Amino acid sequence: MDRLQGLLDAVMAISREVELPAVLHRIVTTAMDLVGARYGALGVLNESKEGLEQFISAGLSEQERNALAETGLPRGLGVLGHLIRYPEPLRVDDIPAHPSSAGFPPHHPRLHTLLGVAISVRGEIYGDLYLSERLDGQPFDVQDENVVVALAGAAGIAIENVRLFERIRVGAEQFQRLLLPTLPDLGPFTAAAIYRPATEPSQLGGDWYDAIPLPDDVVAVVIGDVVGHDLQAAAAMASTRNMLRALLFDQRNSPGAILAQLDRTLEALTNNPVTTTLLARIEPEGPGWRLRWSSAGHVPPLLITPDGRAEYLLVEPGLPLGVDTAQDRPDHSRVLPPAATVVFFTDGLVEHPDHPIDESLTELTELAAAHAGLPLPLFVQTLADHHPSDGHDDMAILALRALPA
C-alpha cells in the first residue's frame, strides 16, 4: 500500500509539470525514489529510433558530471542499446556479465545492476528509463519492475500532455499576435512594443496596444485589456481596437470624449465584456511635448525623465468601458521634457497574488529607471523578462521616447 501510494503521488507530481525538460527530469527522479535507486537516466530516442537525441541523468556527483562532460551522449550501445532494440522491461543483476555489455566510458561509475523500461507515447517508443544500483545493495526485483512499468505508462501520458500544452500555447500566442498591430513609423518619436502571453495553456488574452501617427506630428497611443481569457475576449479586443482606430481620426475630440463615444458605441453594437483602456495623444509644445490622456479604469503610465527619474502619472482612473456610459471621462495633461520616455502597460506586468500592487509598481519603477538608457526594443524586452508579476495573465507594453520637438 505504501508503494502504491508512492506511485500515485509520483503520477500527480509528474502531471503538474508543464515544461518538457522539467517533466523528463521529474520522471527520472521519481522513478529513483520509488525503487530506491542511486542512479537514474532517461534516454530520448532520435527520429530513426536507433540512437539517442537526449539523455537526462540524475544521481551523479558534480565531480562525476564534470569528468563525463566530454564523453557526449551515450551512443546506444551495450545494455542501453539492448533496451532500444528490444523494448521489453529489462532487469540485469550483473551488467558486465550481460551478453550485450560493452563496458563503461572513462570516468563513468562502475555499475552492476540495471532496471530498464521503455516509455511509449501514442503507441510509439519515445525513450527508455534506466535505473541502477539500489541503495540497499540488492538487485532490482519484480515489484520494482512492476512499479516502474506503471510509472512509465503515466510518464507517456504526461509527455503527451506537455506536447499538447505546447502546441496549444504556441497556437494561442500566434493567434493573439496576429490580432496585434505592427508599429508604424512614429517619427519624431521612437517606439517599441512587446506582448507576452499568459503561462497557462490556451489562455487567449484580451491585452492589446496600438499607436497611430496623426497630422502635425501628433501620435495617438492606446493600451487596453479586455476582461477574460478566451476567444470572446480576443474577438472583443479586435473589435474595440478597430472602433477606436476609426474614432481617433476625428482630432476635434479629446481623449476623454473619444473614450466616451467608444463606450456608447460598444454598448449599442456589441455585447463586449468589461474593458480597461488608456488613450493618449502626444502633441508638440514649445521645446518639448504635451501628453493628453484619459483612462478607463487602466493602470497609470510610467514617465521616465532623461535624468533617470521615474514616476507614475497618477490620476483618477475612471470607470472601465462597459460599466456606465453616463459617467464623464475626464482628460488629463502633462508636459513631457525632450527625450522623456513614457511606458504604457497592462496589469499583467505587475499583478502578483502574493504581493500588494503598490509593491509591484514600485519594483517596476526601479526596474525601468535602472534600464532607461537602453534602446527602446531592448528596454521593453527587459521589462517583460524581469517583471514583478507571477505571469498568470498576459501582458502588453508600449514605450515611446520623445525627441526634441
Protein backbone atom coordinates (compact mmCIF):
# COMPACT_ATOMS: atom_id res chain seq x y z
CA MET A 1 0.00 0.00 0.00
CA ASP A 2 2.90 2.38 0.75
CA ARG A 3 4.39 1.72 -2.68
CA LEU A 4 1.00 2.20 -4.36
CA GLN A 5 0.52 5.50 -2.55
CA GLY A 6 4.03 6.50 -3.60
CA LEU A 7 3.18 5.68 -7.20
CA LEU A 8 0.00 7.76 -7.06
CA ASP A 9 1.91 10.69 -5.53
CA ALA A 10 4.54 10.31 -8.25
CA VAL A 11 1.96 10.39 -11.04
CA MET A 12 0.45 13.55 -9.57
CA ALA A 13 3.88 15.19 -9.31
CA ILE A 14 4.72 14.41 -12.94
CA SER A 15 1.36 15.62 -14.16
CA ARG A 16 1.82 19.04 -12.55
CA GLU A 17 4.84 19.87 -14.73
CA VAL A 18 4.11 21.88 -17.88
CA GLU A 19 7.58 22.13 -19.45
CA LEU A 20 9.12 19.11 -21.20
CA PRO A 21 12.62 19.32 -19.62
CA ALA A 22 11.03 19.50 -16.15
CA VAL A 23 8.76 16.53 -16.93
CA LEU A 24 11.64 14.36 -18.13
CA HIS A 25 13.79 15.16 -15.11
CA ARG A 26 10.86 14.59 -12.76
CA ILE A 27 10.24 11.15 -14.33
CA VAL A 28 13.83 10.11 -13.63
CA THR A 29 13.99 11.36 -10.04
CA THR A 30 10.54 9.98 -9.23
CA ALA A 31 11.46 6.52 -10.52
CA MET A 32 14.63 6.61 -8.42
CA ASP A 33 12.63 7.45 -5.32
CA LEU A 34 10.06 4.69 -5.95
CA VAL A 35 12.63 1.87 -6.09
CA GLY A 36 15.43 3.40 -4.03
CA ALA A 37 17.93 3.67 -6.88
CA ARG A 38 21.21 5.55 -6.62
CA TYR A 39 21.34 6.45 -10.34
CA GLY A 40 18.71 7.12 -12.95
CA ALA A 41 18.52 8.28 -16.55
CA LEU A 42 16.08 8.75 -19.39
CA GLY A 43 17.25 8.42 -22.97
CA VAL A 44 15.03 10.09 -25.59
CA LEU A 45 15.23 8.33 -28.96
CA ASN A 46 16.13 10.20 -32.13
CA GLU A 47 13.91 10.24 -35.21
CA SER A 48 15.35 6.98 -36.58
CA LYS A 49 14.68 5.25 -33.22
CA GLU A 50 18.17 3.73 -33.41
CA GLY A 51 20.01 6.14 -31.13
CA LEU A 52 19.56 8.88 -28.56
CA GLU A 53 18.98 12.58 -29.14
CA GLN A 54 18.74 13.48 -25.45
CA PHE A 55 19.93 11.87 -22.21
CA ILE A 56 18.73 13.09 -18.82
CA SER A 57 20.60 11.68 -15.85
CA ALA A 58 20.37 12.01 -12.08
CA GLY A 59 22.39 10.79 -9.14
CA LEU A 60 25.85 11.67 -10.46
CA SER A 61 28.04 13.84 -8.29
CA GLU A 62 29.31 17.16 -9.63
CA GLN A 63 32.75 15.62 -9.97
CA GLU A 64 31.36 12.68 -11.97
CA ARG A 65 29.38 15.02 -14.23
CA ASN A 66 32.45 17.14 -14.94
CA ALA A 67 34.54 14.05 -15.68
CA LEU A 68 31.94 12.77 -18.16
CA ALA A 69 31.27 16.17 -19.76
CA GLU A 70 33.44 15.47 -22.79
CA THR A 71 32.07 11.97 -23.38
CA GLY A 72 28.87 13.24 -25.00
CA LEU A 73 25.59 11.37 -25.36
CA PRO A 74 25.58 7.59 -24.98
CA ARG A 75 25.68 6.04 -28.45
CA GLY A 76 23.03 3.43 -27.78
CA LEU A 77 25.50 0.57 -27.44
CA GLY A 78 25.81 -2.08 -24.75
CA VAL A 79 22.94 -2.79 -22.40
CA LEU A 80 21.35 0.59 -23.13
CA GLY A 81 21.27 -0.30 -26.80
CA HIS A 82 19.76 -3.67 -25.98
CA LEU A 83 16.70 -1.95 -24.50
CA ILE A 84 16.44 0.29 -27.58
CA ARG A 85 16.39 -2.77 -29.86
CA TYR A 86 14.20 -4.89 -27.59
CA PRO A 87 11.83 -2.54 -25.69
CA GLU A 88 10.69 -5.04 -23.07
CA PRO A 89 11.30 -4.46 -19.35
CA LEU A 90 14.88 -5.44 -18.57
CA ARG A 91 16.36 -6.45 -15.22
CA VAL A 92 20.08 -7.13 -15.03
CA ASP A 93 21.82 -8.32 -11.85
CA ASP A 94 25.36 -8.09 -13.26
CA ILE A 95 25.82 -5.61 -16.10
CA PRO A 96 29.40 -6.67 -17.07
CA ALA A 97 28.20 -10.28 -17.43
CA HIS A 98 25.27 -9.41 -19.74
CA PRO A 99 25.81 -10.60 -23.37
CA SER A 100 25.18 -7.06 -24.68
CA SER A 101 27.51 -5.34 -22.23
CA ALA A 102 30.12 -3.10 -23.86
CA GLY A 103 31.76 -1.69 -20.73
CA PHE A 104 31.68 1.88 -19.45
CA PRO A 105 33.25 5.04 -20.84
CA PRO A 106 36.22 6.54 -18.96
CA HIS A 107 35.34 8.16 -15.62
CA HIS A 108 31.88 6.52 -15.58
CA PRO A 109 30.79 4.95 -12.26
CA ARG A 110 31.10 1.16 -12.37
CA LEU A 111 27.52 -0.10 -12.22
CA HIS A 112 26.32 -3.63 -11.57
CA THR A 113 22.52 -3.70 -11.56
CA LEU A 114 20.05 -2.24 -14.02
CA LEU A 115 16.31 -1.90 -14.42
CA GLY A 116 15.22 -0.58 -17.81
CA VAL A 117 11.69 0.20 -19.03
CA ALA A 118 10.56 1.72 -22.32
CA ILE A 119 8.29 4.77 -22.34
CA SER A 120 5.68 4.93 -25.09
CA VAL A 121 3.76 7.95 -26.33
CA ARG A 122 0.74 7.26 -28.55
CA GLY A 123 1.90 3.69 -29.16
CA GLU A 124 5.40 4.73 -30.26
CA ILE A 125 8.56 4.25 -28.21
CA TYR A 126 9.61 7.71 -27.01
CA GLY A 127 12.59 6.71 -24.91
CA ASP A 128 13.89 4.43 -22.20
CA LEU A 129 14.05 4.84 -18.45
CA TYR A 130 17.15 3.38 -16.79
CA LEU A 131 17.71 2.81 -13.08
CA SER A 132 20.85 1.42 -11.46
CA GLU A 133 22.17 0.41 -8.05
CA ARG A 134 19.56 0.05 -5.34
CA LEU A 135 20.62 1.90 -2.21
CA ASP A 136 20.26 -1.27 -0.11
CA GLY A 137 22.71 -3.13 -2.37
CA GLN A 138 20.11 -5.64 -3.59
CA PRO A 139 19.28 -6.29 -7.26
CA PHE A 140 16.02 -4.96 -8.65
CA ASP A 141 13.10 -7.36 -8.20
CA VAL A 142 9.78 -7.96 -9.93
CA GLN A 143 7.99 -5.49 -7.64
CA ASP A 144 10.45 -2.78 -8.68
CA GLU A 145 9.80 -3.67 -12.30
CA ASN A 146 6.03 -3.53 -11.88
CA VAL A 147 6.01 -0.11 -10.22
CA VAL A 148 8.39 1.38 -12.81
CA VAL A 149 6.33 -0.07 -15.67
CA ALA A 150 3.26 1.60 -14.16
CA LEU A 151 5.17 4.86 -13.79
CA ALA A 152 6.33 4.64 -17.41
CA GLY A 153 2.71 4.41 -18.54
CA ALA A 154 1.85 7.58 -16.63
CA ALA A 155 5.04 9.21 -17.90
CA GLY A 156 3.98 8.64 -21.52
CA ILE A 157 0.68 10.40 -20.85
CA ALA A 158 2.45 13.28 -19.09
CA ILE A 159 4.84 13.73 -22.02
CA GLU A 160 1.96 13.77 -24.48
CA ASN A 161 0.07 16.28 -22.32
CA VAL A 162 3.09 18.59 -22.30
CA ARG A 163 3.39 18.28 -26.08
CA LEU A 164 -0.28 19.18 -26.42
CA PHE A 165 0.17 22.04 -23.95
CA GLU A 166 3.00 23.42 -26.06
CA ARG A 167 1.02 23.18 -29.31
CA ILE A 168 -1.96 24.95 -27.75
CA ARG A 169 0.25 27.60 -26.16
CA VAL A 170 2.09 28.31 -29.41
CA GLY A 171 -1.17 28.36 -31.38
CA ALA A 172 -2.84 30.73 -28.94
CA GLU A 173 0.18 33.01 -28.90
CA GLN A 174 0.37 33.11 -32.70
CA PHE A 175 -3.34 33.89 -32.95
CA GLN A 176 -3.01 36.67 -30.38
CA ARG A 177 -0.03 38.20 -32.16
CA LEU A 178 -1.93 38.23 -35.46
CA LEU A 179 -4.50 40.49 -33.81
CA LEU A 180 -1.88 42.98 -32.67
CA PRO A 181 -0.57 45.70 -34.97
CA THR A 182 2.92 46.21 -36.28
CA LEU A 183 4.04 49.60 -35.05
CA PRO A 184 4.30 52.14 -37.89
CA ASP A 185 6.94 54.82 -38.25
CA LEU A 186 6.04 57.26 -35.47
CA GLY A 187 8.73 59.87 -36.17
CA PRO A 188 9.65 62.15 -34.50
CA PHE A 189 9.20 59.50 -31.79
CA THR A 190 10.89 56.18 -31.33
CA ALA A 191 8.64 53.39 -30.12
CA ALA A 192 8.75 49.72 -29.18
CA ALA A 193 6.13 47.26 -28.01
CA ILE A 194 6.07 43.71 -26.73
CA TYR A 195 3.36 41.16 -25.94
CA ARG A 196 3.79 38.14 -23.68
CA PRO A 197 1.06 35.50 -23.32
CA ALA A 198 -0.09 34.05 -20.01
CA THR A 199 1.71 30.96 -18.74
CA GLU A 200 -1.48 28.89 -18.73
CA PRO A 201 -2.28 26.86 -21.88
CA SER A 202 -4.97 28.06 -24.32
CA GLN A 203 -5.22 31.35 -22.43
CA LEU A 204 -6.03 33.76 -25.24
CA GLY A 205 -5.72 37.21 -23.79
CA GLY A 206 -7.53 40.47 -24.22
CA ASP A 207 -4.46 42.71 -23.91
CA TRP A 208 -3.61 44.99 -26.80
CA TYR A 209 -1.71 48.09 -27.77
CA ASP A 210 -1.84 50.48 -30.69
CA ALA A 211 -0.04 53.60 -31.89
CA ILE A 212 -1.17 55.79 -34.77
CA PRO A 213 0.60 58.79 -36.31
CA LEU A 214 -1.75 61.73 -36.84
CA PRO A 215 -1.19 65.03 -38.69
CA ASP A 216 1.03 67.77 -37.25
CA ASP A 217 3.47 65.41 -35.53
CA VAL A 218 0.78 64.11 -33.18
CA VAL A 219 0.82 60.47 -32.07
CA ALA A 220 -2.14 58.62 -30.55
CA VAL A 221 -1.35 55.76 -28.19
CA VAL A 222 -3.70 53.09 -26.85
CA ILE A 223 -3.20 50.33 -24.29
CA GLY A 224 -6.06 48.10 -23.17
CA ASP A 225 -7.20 44.90 -21.53
CA VAL A 226 -10.48 43.07 -22.17
CA VAL A 227 -11.67 41.00 -19.21
CA GLY A 228 -11.41 37.26 -19.89
CA HIS A 229 -9.04 34.73 -21.41
CA ASP A 230 -10.86 33.10 -24.29
CA LEU A 231 -11.87 33.58 -27.90
CA GLN A 232 -14.59 36.05 -26.88
CA ALA A 233 -12.01 38.25 -25.16
CA ALA A 234 -9.73 38.11 -28.19
CA ALA A 235 -12.59 38.96 -30.55
CA ALA A 236 -13.76 41.80 -28.28
CA MET A 237 -10.22 43.15 -28.20
CA ALA A 238 -10.05 43.20 -32.00
CA SER A 239 -13.41 44.92 -32.43
CA THR A 240 -12.68 47.51 -29.72
CA ARG A 241 -9.29 48.31 -31.22
CA ASN A 242 -10.76 48.74 -34.71
CA MET A 243 -13.57 51.01 -33.50
CA LEU A 244 -11.13 53.13 -31.53
CA ARG A 245 -8.85 53.49 -34.54
CA ALA A 246 -11.72 54.91 -36.56
CA LEU A 247 -12.65 57.38 -33.83
CA LEU A 248 -9.08 58.63 -33.42
CA PHE A 249 -9.02 60.38 -36.76
CA ASP A 250 -11.51 62.94 -35.52
CA GLN A 251 -8.94 65.21 -33.90
CA ARG A 252 -11.51 67.69 -32.64
CA ASN A 253 -12.39 65.40 -29.73
CA SER A 254 -10.24 65.00 -26.64
CA PRO A 255 -9.13 61.51 -25.45
CA GLY A 256 -11.88 61.53 -22.79
CA ALA A 257 -14.57 62.40 -25.36
CA ILE A 258 -13.33 59.67 -27.70
CA LEU A 259 -13.45 57.06 -24.93
CA ALA A 260 -16.98 58.17 -24.01
CA GLN A 261 -18.05 57.83 -27.62
CA LEU A 262 -16.38 54.43 -27.88
CA ASP A 263 -18.18 53.27 -24.73
CA ARG A 264 -21.56 54.30 -26.14
CA THR A 265 -20.83 52.65 -29.48
CA LEU A 266 -19.78 49.38 -27.86
CA GLU A 267 -22.91 49.37 -25.71
CA ALA A 268 -25.14 49.91 -28.74
CA LEU A 269 -23.48 47.50 -31.17
CA THR A 270 -21.83 44.72 -29.15
CA ASN A 271 -22.03 42.64 -26.02
CA ASN A 272 -18.33 43.04 -25.33
CA PRO A 273 -17.11 42.33 -21.80
CA VAL A 274 -15.76 44.97 -19.47
CA THR A 275 -12.57 46.57 -20.79
CA THR A 276 -9.93 48.82 -19.26
CA THR A 277 -8.06 51.12 -21.60
CA LEU A 278 -5.97 54.25 -21.68
CA LEU A 279 -5.98 56.62 -24.65
CA ALA A 280 -3.27 59.26 -25.02
CA ARG A 281 -2.22 61.93 -27.50
CA ILE A 282 1.30 63.33 -27.59
CA GLU A 283 1.47 66.77 -29.20
CA PRO A 284 4.33 69.23 -29.80
CA GLU A 285 4.51 72.10 -27.34
CA GLY A 286 7.42 74.53 -27.17
CA PRO A 287 10.76 72.75 -26.92
CA GLY A 288 9.08 69.55 -25.72
CA TRP A 289 5.78 67.74 -25.83
CA ARG A 290 2.45 67.60 -24.07
CA LEU A 291 0.77 64.36 -23.13
CA ARG A 292 -3.03 64.42 -23.00
CA TRP A 293 -4.77 61.28 -21.85
CA SER A 294 -7.88 59.72 -20.39
CA SER A 295 -8.12 56.45 -18.51
CA ALA A 296 -10.97 53.96 -18.40
CA GLY A 297 -10.00 52.04 -15.29
CA HIS A 298 -6.49 51.33 -16.54
CA VAL A 299 -3.16 51.27 -14.70
CA PRO A 300 -1.31 54.61 -15.00
CA PRO A 301 1.51 55.19 -17.48
CA LEU A 302 5.08 55.48 -16.24
CA LEU A 303 7.11 58.59 -17.11
CA ILE A 304 10.91 58.42 -17.11
CA THR A 305 12.78 61.71 -17.48
CA PRO A 306 16.19 61.96 -19.20
CA ASP A 307 17.95 62.17 -15.82
CA GLY A 308 16.55 58.73 -14.87
CA ARG A 309 13.72 59.77 -12.53
CA ALA A 310 10.61 57.62 -12.88
CA GLU A 311 7.09 58.39 -11.71
CA TYR A 312 3.57 57.18 -12.40
CA LEU A 313 1.12 59.69 -13.86
CA LEU A 314 -1.44 59.09 -11.14
CA VAL A 315 -4.94 60.44 -11.78
CA GLU A 316 -8.48 59.27 -11.11
CA PRO A 317 -8.64 56.24 -13.41
CA GLY A 318 -12.33 56.46 -14.22
CA LEU A 319 -14.66 53.53 -14.90
CA PRO A 320 -13.80 50.74 -17.35
CA LEU A 321 -15.67 50.58 -20.63
CA GLY A 322 -18.92 48.66 -20.40
CA VAL A 323 -19.86 49.79 -16.88
CA ASP A 324 -21.74 53.11 -17.09
CA THR A 325 -21.82 55.16 -20.28
CA ALA A 326 -23.40 58.13 -18.46
CA GLN A 327 -20.26 58.86 -16.43
CA ASP A 328 -17.96 61.67 -17.55
CA ARG A 329 -14.47 60.75 -18.69
CA PRO A 330 -12.05 63.48 -17.57
CA ASP A 331 -8.95 64.44 -19.53
CA HIS A 332 -5.52 64.93 -18.02
CA SER A 333 -2.44 66.74 -19.27
CA ARG A 334 1.29 66.70 -18.54
CA VAL A 335 4.30 68.39 -20.14
CA LEU A 336 6.93 65.92 -21.35
CA PRO A 337 10.53 67.10 -21.45
CA PRO A 338 12.58 66.29 -24.57
CA ALA A 339 13.98 62.73 -24.58
CA ALA A 340 11.48 61.59 -21.93
CA THR A 341 10.18 58.01 -22.13
CA VAL A 342 6.55 57.08 -21.45
CA VAL A 343 5.70 53.44 -20.72
CA PHE A 344 2.14 52.21 -21.23
CA PHE A 345 1.40 48.69 -19.93
CA THR A 346 -1.34 46.30 -18.84
CA ASP A 347 -1.81 44.98 -15.33
CA GLY A 348 -0.41 41.56 -16.26
CA LEU A 349 3.01 43.17 -15.92
CA VAL A 350 2.58 43.90 -12.21
CA GLU A 351 -0.12 41.64 -10.74
CA HIS A 352 1.07 39.02 -8.27
CA PRO A 353 -1.33 37.30 -5.84
CA ASP A 354 1.30 37.22 -3.08
CA HIS A 355 2.39 40.87 -3.35
CA PRO A 356 0.48 44.13 -2.88
CA ILE A 357 0.03 46.03 -6.14
CA ASP A 358 1.91 49.05 -4.72
CA GLU A 359 4.93 46.86 -4.06
CA SER A 360 4.90 45.54 -7.63
CA LEU A 361 4.51 49.05 -9.07
CA THR A 362 7.49 50.23 -7.04
CA GLU A 363 9.53 47.29 -8.26
CA LEU A 364 8.61 48.11 -11.86
CA THR A 365 9.61 51.75 -11.32
CA GLU A 366 13.05 50.73 -10.07
CA LEU A 367 13.48 48.28 -12.94
CA ALA A 368 12.50 50.87 -15.54
CA ALA A 369 14.70 53.59 -14.08
CA ALA A 370 17.72 51.27 -13.95
CA HIS A 371 17.41 50.38 -17.65
CA ALA A 372 16.00 53.59 -19.11
CA GLY A 373 19.19 54.23 -21.07
CA LEU A 374 18.73 51.11 -23.21
CA PRO A 375 17.44 51.31 -26.78
CA LEU A 376 13.64 51.02 -26.61
CA PRO A 377 13.33 47.48 -28.06
CA LEU A 378 15.80 46.16 -25.50
CA PHE A 379 14.20 48.28 -22.79
CA VAL A 380 10.70 46.80 -23.22
CA GLN A 381 12.17 43.31 -23.51
CA THR A 382 13.96 43.83 -20.20
CA LEU A 383 10.71 44.90 -18.53
CA ALA A 384 8.95 41.82 -19.92
CA ASP A 385 11.76 39.47 -18.87
CA HIS A 386 12.12 40.76 -15.31
CA HIS A 387 8.59 41.87 -14.49
CA PRO A 388 7.31 41.65 -10.90
CA SER A 389 4.13 39.68 -11.74
CA ASP A 390 3.63 35.91 -11.45
CA GLY A 391 2.87 35.52 -15.18
CA HIS A 392 -0.69 34.24 -14.70
CA ASP A 393 -2.01 36.96 -17.02
CA ASP A 394 -0.89 38.10 -20.44
CA MET A 395 0.90 41.43 -20.65
CA ALA A 396 1.46 44.18 -23.18
CA ILE A 397 4.00 47.01 -23.05
CA LEU A 398 4.30 50.02 -25.36
CA ALA A 399 7.04 52.59 -24.80
CA LEU A 400 7.60 55.90 -26.63
CA ARG A 401 10.61 58.14 -26.38
CA ALA A 402 10.18 61.78 -27.37
CA LEU A 403 12.86 63.57 -29.34
CA PRO A 404 13.30 67.34 -29.21
CA ALA A 405 10.18 68.93 -30.72
